[in-house]
PDB file of N, CA and C in Angstrom:
ATOM      1  N   MET A   1       1.146 -31.455 -20.321  1.00  0.00           N
ATOM      2  CA  MET A   1       2.186 -30.912 -19.500  1.00  0.00           C
ATOM      3  C   MET A   1       1.643 -30.453 -18.153  1.00  0.00           C
ATOM      4  N   ASN A   2       2.502 -29.768 -17.406  1.00  0.00           N
ATOM      5  CA  ASN A   2       2.159 -29.317 -16.086  1.00  0.00           C
ATOM      6  C   ASN A   2       1.250 -28.063 -16.200  1.00  0.00           C
ATOM      7  N   SER A   3      -0.020 -28.315 -15.744  1.00  0.00           N
ATOM      8  CA  SER A   3      -0.971 -27.111 -15.903  1.00  0.00           C
ATOM      9  C   SER A   3      -0.884 -26.211 -14.588  1.00  0.00           C
ATOM     10  N   HIS A   4      -0.216 -26.680 -13.603  1.00  0.00           N
ATOM     11  CA  HIS A   4      -0.075 -25.841 -12.333  1.00  0.00           C
ATOM     12  C   HIS A   4       1.068 -24.862 -12.374  1.00  0.00           C
ATOM     13  N   ILE A   5       0.724 -23.626 -12.534  1.00  0.00           N
ATOM     14  CA  ILE A   5       1.824 -22.548 -12.662  1.00  0.00           C
ATOM     15  C   ILE A   5       2.005 -21.974 -11.207  1.00  0.00           C
ATOM     16  N   GLN A   6       3.197 -22.035 -10.782  1.00  0.00           N
ATOM     17  CA  GLN A   6       3.544 -21.427  -9.506  1.00  0.00           C
ATOM     18  C   GLN A   6       3.740 -19.950  -9.669  1.00  0.00           C
ATOM     19  N   THR A   7       3.303 -19.075  -8.776  1.00  0.00           N
ATOM     20  CA  THR A   7       3.442 -17.691  -8.848  1.00  0.00           C
ATOM     21  C   THR A   7       4.299 -17.016  -7.795  1.00  0.00           C
ATOM     22  N   ALA A   8       4.946 -17.891  -7.011  1.00  0.00           N
ATOM     23  CA  ALA A   8       5.854 -17.363  -5.948  1.00  0.00           C
ATOM     24  C   ALA A   8       7.164 -17.971  -6.227  1.00  0.00           C
ATOM     25  N   SER A   9       8.273 -17.302  -5.837  1.00  0.00           N
ATOM     26  CA  SER A   9       9.577 -17.832  -6.060  1.00  0.00           C
ATOM     27  C   SER A   9      10.401 -17.199  -5.042  1.00  0.00           C
ATOM     28  N   THR A  10      11.448 -17.961  -4.535  1.00  0.00           N
ATOM     29  CA  THR A  10      12.425 -17.392  -3.623  1.00  0.00           C
ATOM     30  C   THR A  10      13.726 -16.966  -4.297  1.00  0.00           C
ATOM     31  N   LEU A  11      13.870 -15.619  -4.225  1.00  0.00           N
ATOM     32  CA  LEU A  11      15.080 -15.034  -4.892  1.00  0.00           C
ATOM     33  C   LEU A  11      16.294 -15.021  -3.858  1.00  0.00           C
ATOM     34  N   THR A  12      17.385 -15.479  -4.333  1.00  0.00           N
ATOM     35  CA  THR A  12      18.577 -15.541  -3.522  1.00  0.00           C
ATOM     36  C   THR A  12      19.589 -14.627  -4.116  1.00  0.00           C
ATOM     37  N   CYS A  13      20.036 -13.603  -3.419  1.00  0.00           N
ATOM     38  CA  CYS A  13      21.055 -12.740  -3.817  1.00  0.00           C
ATOM     39  C   CYS A  13      22.390 -13.402  -3.905  1.00  0.00           C
ATOM     40  N   PRO A  14      23.019 -13.219  -5.114  1.00  0.00           N
ATOM     41  CA  PRO A  14      24.261 -13.808  -5.311  1.00  0.00           C
ATOM     42  C   PRO A  14      25.457 -13.161  -4.488  1.00  0.00           C
ATOM     43  N   GLU A  15      25.210 -11.949  -4.159  1.00  0.00           N
ATOM     44  CA  GLU A  15      26.187 -11.130  -3.416  1.00  0.00           C
ATOM     45  C   GLU A  15      26.297 -11.479  -1.926  1.00  0.00           C
ATOM     46  N   CYS A  16      25.201 -11.527  -1.304  1.00  0.00           N
ATOM     47  CA  CYS A  16      25.138 -11.695   0.173  1.00  0.00           C
ATOM     48  C   CYS A  16      24.422 -12.983   0.650  1.00  0.00           C
ATOM     49  N   GLY A  17      23.665 -13.610  -0.290  1.00  0.00           N
ATOM     50  CA  GLY A  17      22.973 -14.864   0.169  1.00  0.00           C
ATOM     51  C   GLY A  17      21.576 -14.651   0.701  1.00  0.00           C
ATOM     52  N   GLN A  18      21.140 -13.432   0.863  1.00  0.00           N
ATOM     53  CA  GLN A  18      19.788 -13.197   1.352  1.00  0.00           C
ATOM     54  C   GLN A  18      18.765 -13.844   0.456  1.00  0.00           C
ATOM     55  N   ALA A  19      17.789 -14.559   1.039  1.00  0.00           N
ATOM     56  CA  ALA A  19      16.747 -15.142   0.285  1.00  0.00           C
ATOM     57  C   ALA A  19      15.417 -14.536   0.743  1.00  0.00           C
ATOM     58  N   VAL A  20      14.592 -14.248  -0.228  1.00  0.00           N
ATOM     59  CA  VAL A  20      13.298 -13.592   0.019  1.00  0.00           C
ATOM     60  C   VAL A  20      12.228 -14.246  -0.880  1.00  0.00           C
ATOM     61  N   LYS A  21      11.122 -14.637  -0.273  1.00  0.00           N
ATOM     62  CA  LYS A  21       9.998 -15.148  -1.139  1.00  0.00           C
ATOM     63  C   LYS A  21       9.184 -14.015  -1.665  1.00  0.00           C
ATOM     64  N   LEU A  22       8.916 -14.095  -3.031  1.00  0.00           N
ATOM     65  CA  LEU A  22       8.215 -12.888  -3.671  1.00  0.00           C
ATOM     66  C   LEU A  22       7.190 -13.501  -4.673  1.00  0.00           C
ATOM     67  N   ASP A  23       6.071 -12.770  -4.775  1.00  0.00           N
ATOM     68  CA  ASP A  23       5.151 -13.143  -5.754  1.00  0.00           C
ATOM     69  C   ASP A  23       5.698 -12.598  -7.177  1.00  0.00           C
ATOM     70  N   MET A  24       5.500 -13.492  -8.130  1.00  0.00           N
ATOM     71  CA  MET A  24       5.929 -13.078  -9.545  1.00  0.00           C
ATOM     72  C   MET A  24       4.831 -12.440 -10.255  1.00  0.00           C
ATOM     73  N   PRO A  25       5.134 -11.437 -11.044  1.00  0.00           N
ATOM     74  CA  PRO A  25       4.098 -10.893 -12.032  1.00  0.00           C
ATOM     75  C   PRO A  25       3.804 -12.076 -13.114  1.00  0.00           C
ATOM     76  N   THR A  26       2.527 -12.090 -13.407  1.00  0.00           N
ATOM     77  CA  THR A  26       2.114 -13.179 -14.387  1.00  0.00           C
ATOM     78  C   THR A  26       1.983 -12.527 -15.716  1.00  0.00           C
ATOM     79  N   ASP A  27       2.039 -11.230 -15.910  1.00  0.00           N
ATOM     80  CA  ASP A  27       1.819 -10.564 -17.105  1.00  0.00           C
ATOM     81  C   ASP A  27       3.001  -9.678 -17.579  1.00  0.00           C
ATOM     82  N   ALA A  28       4.087  -9.831 -16.998  1.00  0.00           N
ATOM     83  CA  ALA A  28       5.270  -8.979 -17.215  1.00  0.00           C
ATOM     84  C   ALA A  28       6.514  -9.648 -16.664  1.00  0.00           C
ATOM     85  N   CYS A  29       7.666  -9.272 -17.250  1.00  0.00           N
ATOM     86  CA  CYS A  29       8.910  -9.769 -16.637  1.00  0.00           C
ATOM     87  C   CYS A  29       9.431  -8.779 -15.714  1.00  0.00           C
ATOM     88  N   GLN A  30      10.149  -9.148 -14.711  1.00  0.00           N
ATOM     89  CA  GLN A  30      10.812  -8.327 -13.715  1.00  0.00           C
ATOM     90  C   GLN A  30      12.256  -8.330 -14.030  1.00  0.00           C
ATOM     91  N   PHE A  31      12.723  -7.192 -14.617  1.00  0.00           N
ATOM     92  CA  PHE A  31      14.075  -7.155 -15.029  1.00  0.00           C
ATOM     93  C   PHE A  31      15.093  -6.822 -13.935  1.00  0.00           C
ATOM     94  N   PHE A  32      14.580  -6.169 -12.826  1.00  0.00           N
ATOM     95  CA  PHE A  32      15.483  -5.668 -11.785  1.00  0.00           C
ATOM     96  C   PHE A  32      14.874  -5.949 -10.502  1.00  0.00           C
ATOM     97  N   TYR A  33      15.734  -6.227  -9.509  1.00  0.00           N
ATOM     98  CA  TYR A  33      15.346  -6.404  -8.110  1.00  0.00           C
ATOM     99  C   TYR A  33      16.527  -5.916  -7.288  1.00  0.00           C
ATOM    100  N   GLU A  34      16.148  -5.072  -6.269  1.00  0.00           N
ATOM    101  CA  GLU A  34      17.218  -4.564  -5.329  1.00  0.00           C
ATOM    102  C   GLU A  34      17.221  -5.401  -4.130  1.00  0.00           C
ATOM    103  N   CYS A  35      18.295  -5.987  -3.768  1.00  0.00           N
ATOM    104  CA  CYS A  35      18.402  -6.810  -2.558  1.00  0.00           C
ATOM    105  C   CYS A  35      18.030  -5.908  -1.401  1.00  0.00           C
ATOM    106  N   THR A  36      17.216  -6.449  -0.472  1.00  0.00           N
ATOM    107  CA  THR A  36      16.921  -5.578   0.627  1.00  0.00           C
ATOM    108  C   THR A  36      17.987  -5.620   1.794  1.00  0.00           C
ATOM    109  N   ALA A  37      18.969  -6.555   1.654  1.00  0.00           N
ATOM    110  CA  ALA A  37      19.996  -6.604   2.603  1.00  0.00           C
ATOM    111  C   ALA A  37      21.244  -5.789   2.178  1.00  0.00           C
ATOM    112  N   CYS A  38      21.763  -6.101   1.004  1.00  0.00           N
ATOM    113  CA  CYS A  38      22.960  -5.504   0.620  1.00  0.00           C
ATOM    114  C   CYS A  38      22.837  -4.322  -0.473  1.00  0.00           C
ATOM    115  N   LYS A  39      21.630  -4.150  -0.948  1.00  0.00           N
ATOM    116  CA  LYS A  39      21.298  -3.189  -1.968  1.00  0.00           C
ATOM    117  C   LYS A  39      21.838  -3.345  -3.335  1.00  0.00           C
ATOM    118  N   LYS A  40      22.337  -4.637  -3.653  1.00  0.00           N
ATOM    119  CA  LYS A  40      22.862  -5.003  -4.924  1.00  0.00           C
ATOM    120  C   LYS A  40      21.624  -4.988  -5.906  1.00  0.00           C
ATOM    121  N   LEU A  41      21.774  -4.399  -7.057  1.00  0.00           N
ATOM    122  CA  LEU A  41      20.726  -4.447  -8.080  1.00  0.00           C
ATOM    123  C   LEU A  41      20.918  -5.707  -8.906  1.00  0.00           C
ATOM    124  N   LEU A  42      19.949  -6.566  -8.761  1.00  0.00           N
ATOM    125  CA  LEU A  42      20.009  -7.840  -9.602  1.00  0.00           C
ATOM    126  C   LEU A  42      19.422  -7.649 -10.917  1.00  0.00           C
ATOM    127  N   ARG A  43      20.071  -8.121 -12.003  1.00  0.00           N
ATOM    128  CA  ARG A  43      19.563  -8.175 -13.340  1.00  0.00           C
ATOM    129  C   ARG A  43      19.542  -9.564 -13.887  1.00  0.00           C
ATOM    130  N   PRO A  44      18.845  -9.900 -14.903  1.00  0.00           N
ATOM    131  CA  PRO A  44      18.879 -11.248 -15.448  1.00  0.00           C
ATOM    132  C   PRO A  44      20.183 -11.630 -15.995  1.00  0.00           C
ATOM    133  N   LEU A  45      20.682 -12.827 -15.838  1.00  0.00           N
ATOM    134  CA  LEU A  45      21.869 -13.308 -16.427  1.00  0.00           C
ATOM    135  C   LEU A  45      21.670 -13.479 -17.928  1.00  0.00           C
ATOM    136  N   PRO A  46      22.730 -13.484 -18.746  1.00  0.00           N
ATOM    137  CA  PRO A  46      22.590 -13.592 -20.122  1.00  0.00           C
ATOM    138  C   PRO A  46      21.821 -14.847 -20.519  1.00  0.00           C
ATOM    139  N   GLY A  47      20.788 -14.792 -21.341  1.00  0.00           N
ATOM    140  CA  GLY A  47      20.031 -15.967 -21.702  1.00  0.00           C
ATOM    141  C   GLY A  47      18.779 -16.061 -20.981  1.00  0.00           C
ATOM    142  N   ASP A  48      18.640 -15.388 -19.822  1.00  0.00           N
ATOM    143  CA  ASP A  48      17.404 -15.417 -18.975  1.00  0.00           C
ATOM    144  C   ASP A  48      16.539 -14.220 -19.306  1.00  0.00           C
ATOM    145  N   CYS A  49      15.226 -14.319 -19.102  1.00  0.00           N
ATOM    146  CA  CYS A  49      14.316 -13.269 -19.379  1.00  0.00           C
ATOM    147  C   CYS A  49      14.094 -12.322 -18.187  1.00  0.00           C
ATOM    148  N   CYS A  50      14.320 -12.845 -16.949  1.00  0.00           N
ATOM    149  CA  CYS A  50      13.995 -12.026 -15.805  1.00  0.00           C
ATOM    150  C   CYS A  50      14.807 -12.495 -14.566  1.00  0.00           C
ATOM    151  N   VAL A  51      14.763 -11.686 -13.481  1.00  0.00           N
ATOM    152  CA  VAL A  51      15.523 -11.988 -12.253  1.00  0.00           C
ATOM    153  C   VAL A  51      15.050 -13.327 -11.637  1.00  0.00           C
ATOM    154  N   PHE A  52      13.763 -13.730 -11.824  1.00  0.00           N
ATOM    155  CA  PHE A  52      13.285 -15.002 -11.241  1.00  0.00           C
ATOM    156  C   PHE A  52      13.923 -16.144 -11.988  1.00  0.00           C
ATOM    157  N   CYS A  53      14.101 -16.067 -13.322  1.00  0.00           N
ATOM    158  CA  CYS A  53      14.752 -17.134 -14.058  1.00  0.00           C
ATOM    159  C   CYS A  53      16.244 -17.380 -13.635  1.00  0.00           C
ATOM    160  N   SER A  54      16.835 -16.174 -13.273  1.00  0.00           N
ATOM    161  CA  SER A  54      18.287 -16.186 -12.915  1.00  0.00           C
ATOM    162  C   SER A  54      18.571 -16.586 -11.477  1.00  0.00           C
ATOM    163  N   TYR A  55      17.754 -15.979 -10.569  1.00  0.00           N
ATOM    164  CA  TYR A  55      18.110 -16.126  -9.113  1.00  0.00           C
ATOM    165  C   TYR A  55      16.962 -16.812  -8.260  1.00  0.00           C
ATOM    166  N   GLY A  56      15.883 -17.131  -8.916  1.00  0.00           N
ATOM    167  CA  GLY A  56      14.754 -17.758  -8.215  1.00  0.00           C
ATOM    168  C   GLY A  56      14.828 -19.305  -8.133  1.00  0.00           C
ATOM    169  N   ASP A  57      14.052 -19.837  -7.211  1.00  0.00           N
ATOM    170  CA  ASP A  57      14.030 -21.306  -7.103  1.00  0.00           C
ATOM    171  C   ASP A  57      12.890 -21.836  -8.085  1.00  0.00           C
ATOM    172  N   VAL A  58      12.070 -20.932  -8.574  1.00  0.00           N
ATOM    173  CA  VAL A  58      10.990 -21.208  -9.528  1.00  0.00           C
ATOM    174  C   VAL A  58      11.141 -20.255 -10.707  1.00  0.00           C
ATOM    175  N   LYS A  59      11.119 -20.743 -11.923  1.00  0.00           N
ATOM    176  CA  LYS A  59      11.176 -19.816 -13.131  1.00  0.00           C
ATOM    177  C   LYS A  59       9.830 -19.093 -13.254  1.00  0.00           C
ATOM    178  N   CYS A  60       9.941 -17.957 -14.013  1.00  0.00           N
ATOM    179  CA  CYS A  60       8.629 -17.148 -14.077  1.00  0.00           C
ATOM    180  C   CYS A  60       7.568 -17.902 -14.880  1.00  0.00           C
ATOM    181  N   PRO A  61       6.299 -17.434 -14.549  1.00  0.00           N
ATOM    182  CA  PRO A  61       5.125 -18.139 -15.155  1.00  0.00           C
ATOM    183  C   PRO A  61       5.107 -18.390 -16.664  1.00  0.00           C
ATOM    184  N   PRO A  62       5.513 -17.440 -17.486  1.00  0.00           N
ATOM    185  CA  PRO A  62       5.532 -17.682 -18.899  1.00  0.00           C
ATOM    186  C   PRO A  62       6.557 -18.858 -19.291  1.00  0.00           C
ATOM    187  N   ILE A  63       7.639 -18.897 -18.645  1.00  0.00           N
ATOM    188  CA  ILE A  63       8.541 -19.956 -18.862  1.00  0.00           C
ATOM    189  C   ILE A  63       8.000 -21.292 -18.331  1.00  0.00           C
ATOM    190  N   GLN A  64       7.397 -21.330 -17.255  1.00  0.00           N
ATOM    191  CA  GLN A  64       6.760 -22.511 -16.709  1.00  0.00           C
ATOM    192  C   GLN A  64       5.780 -23.047 -17.706  1.00  0.00           C
ATOM    193  N   ALA A  65       4.992 -22.128 -18.304  1.00  0.00           N
ATOM    194  CA  ALA A  65       3.882 -22.521 -19.223  1.00  0.00           C
ATOM    195  C   ALA A  65       4.504 -22.747 -20.652  1.00  0.00           C
ATOM    196  N   GLN A  66       5.861 -22.653 -20.844  1.00  0.00           N
ATOM    197  CA  GLN A  66       6.520 -22.882 -22.087  1.00  0.00           C
ATOM    198  C   GLN A  66       6.015 -21.980 -23.146  1.00  0.00           C
ATOM    199  N   SER A  67       5.760 -20.768 -22.701  1.00  0.00           N
ATOM    200  CA  SER A  67       5.299 -19.559 -23.566  1.00  0.00           C
ATOM    201  C   SER A  67       6.423 -18.728 -23.840  1.00  0.00           C
ATOM    202  N   PRO A  68       6.321 -17.937 -24.882  1.00  0.00           N
ATOM    203  CA  PRO A  68       7.296 -16.861 -25.078  1.00  0.00           C
ATOM    204  C   PRO A  68       7.230 -15.814 -23.932  1.00  0.00           C
ATOM    205  N   CYS A  69       8.404 -15.482 -23.415  1.00  0.00           N
ATOM    206  CA  CYS A  69       8.402 -14.459 -22.299  1.00  0.00           C
ATOM    207  C   CYS A  69       8.671 -13.167 -22.953  1.00  0.00           C
ATOM    208  N   CYS A  70       8.911 -12.145 -22.154  1.00  0.00           N
ATOM    209  CA  CYS A  70       9.150 -10.821 -22.661  1.00  0.00           C
ATOM    210  C   CYS A  70      10.433 -10.650 -23.424  1.00  0.00           C
ATOM    211  N   ALA A  71      10.252 -10.945 -24.802  1.00  0.00           N
ATOM    212  CA  ALA A  71      11.500 -10.878 -25.622  1.00  0.00           C
ATOM    213  C   ALA A  71      11.872  -9.403 -25.859  1.00  0.00           C
ATOM    214  N   GLN A  72      13.209  -9.311 -25.854  1.00  0.00           N
ATOM    215  CA  GLN A  72      13.772  -7.932 -26.011  1.00  0.00           C
ATOM    216  C   GLN A  72      13.405  -7.411 -27.417  1.00  0.00           C
TER     217      GLN A  72
END
């Protein structure tokens, strides 16, 4: 499979459309992100483990590696 894990993702706020490139944590899930433009607090959508999987252009590193992510 793909051995190259990307560690940056561009999050796009569904409220205002602001996009920001961020480094993703490789050892934890990021459950919340506050948009710097409109201050909306983003949370993962149902079925996603983190905000990067819901709003990013690249899924989080554990999902890319097809590994279990931070299960609730």
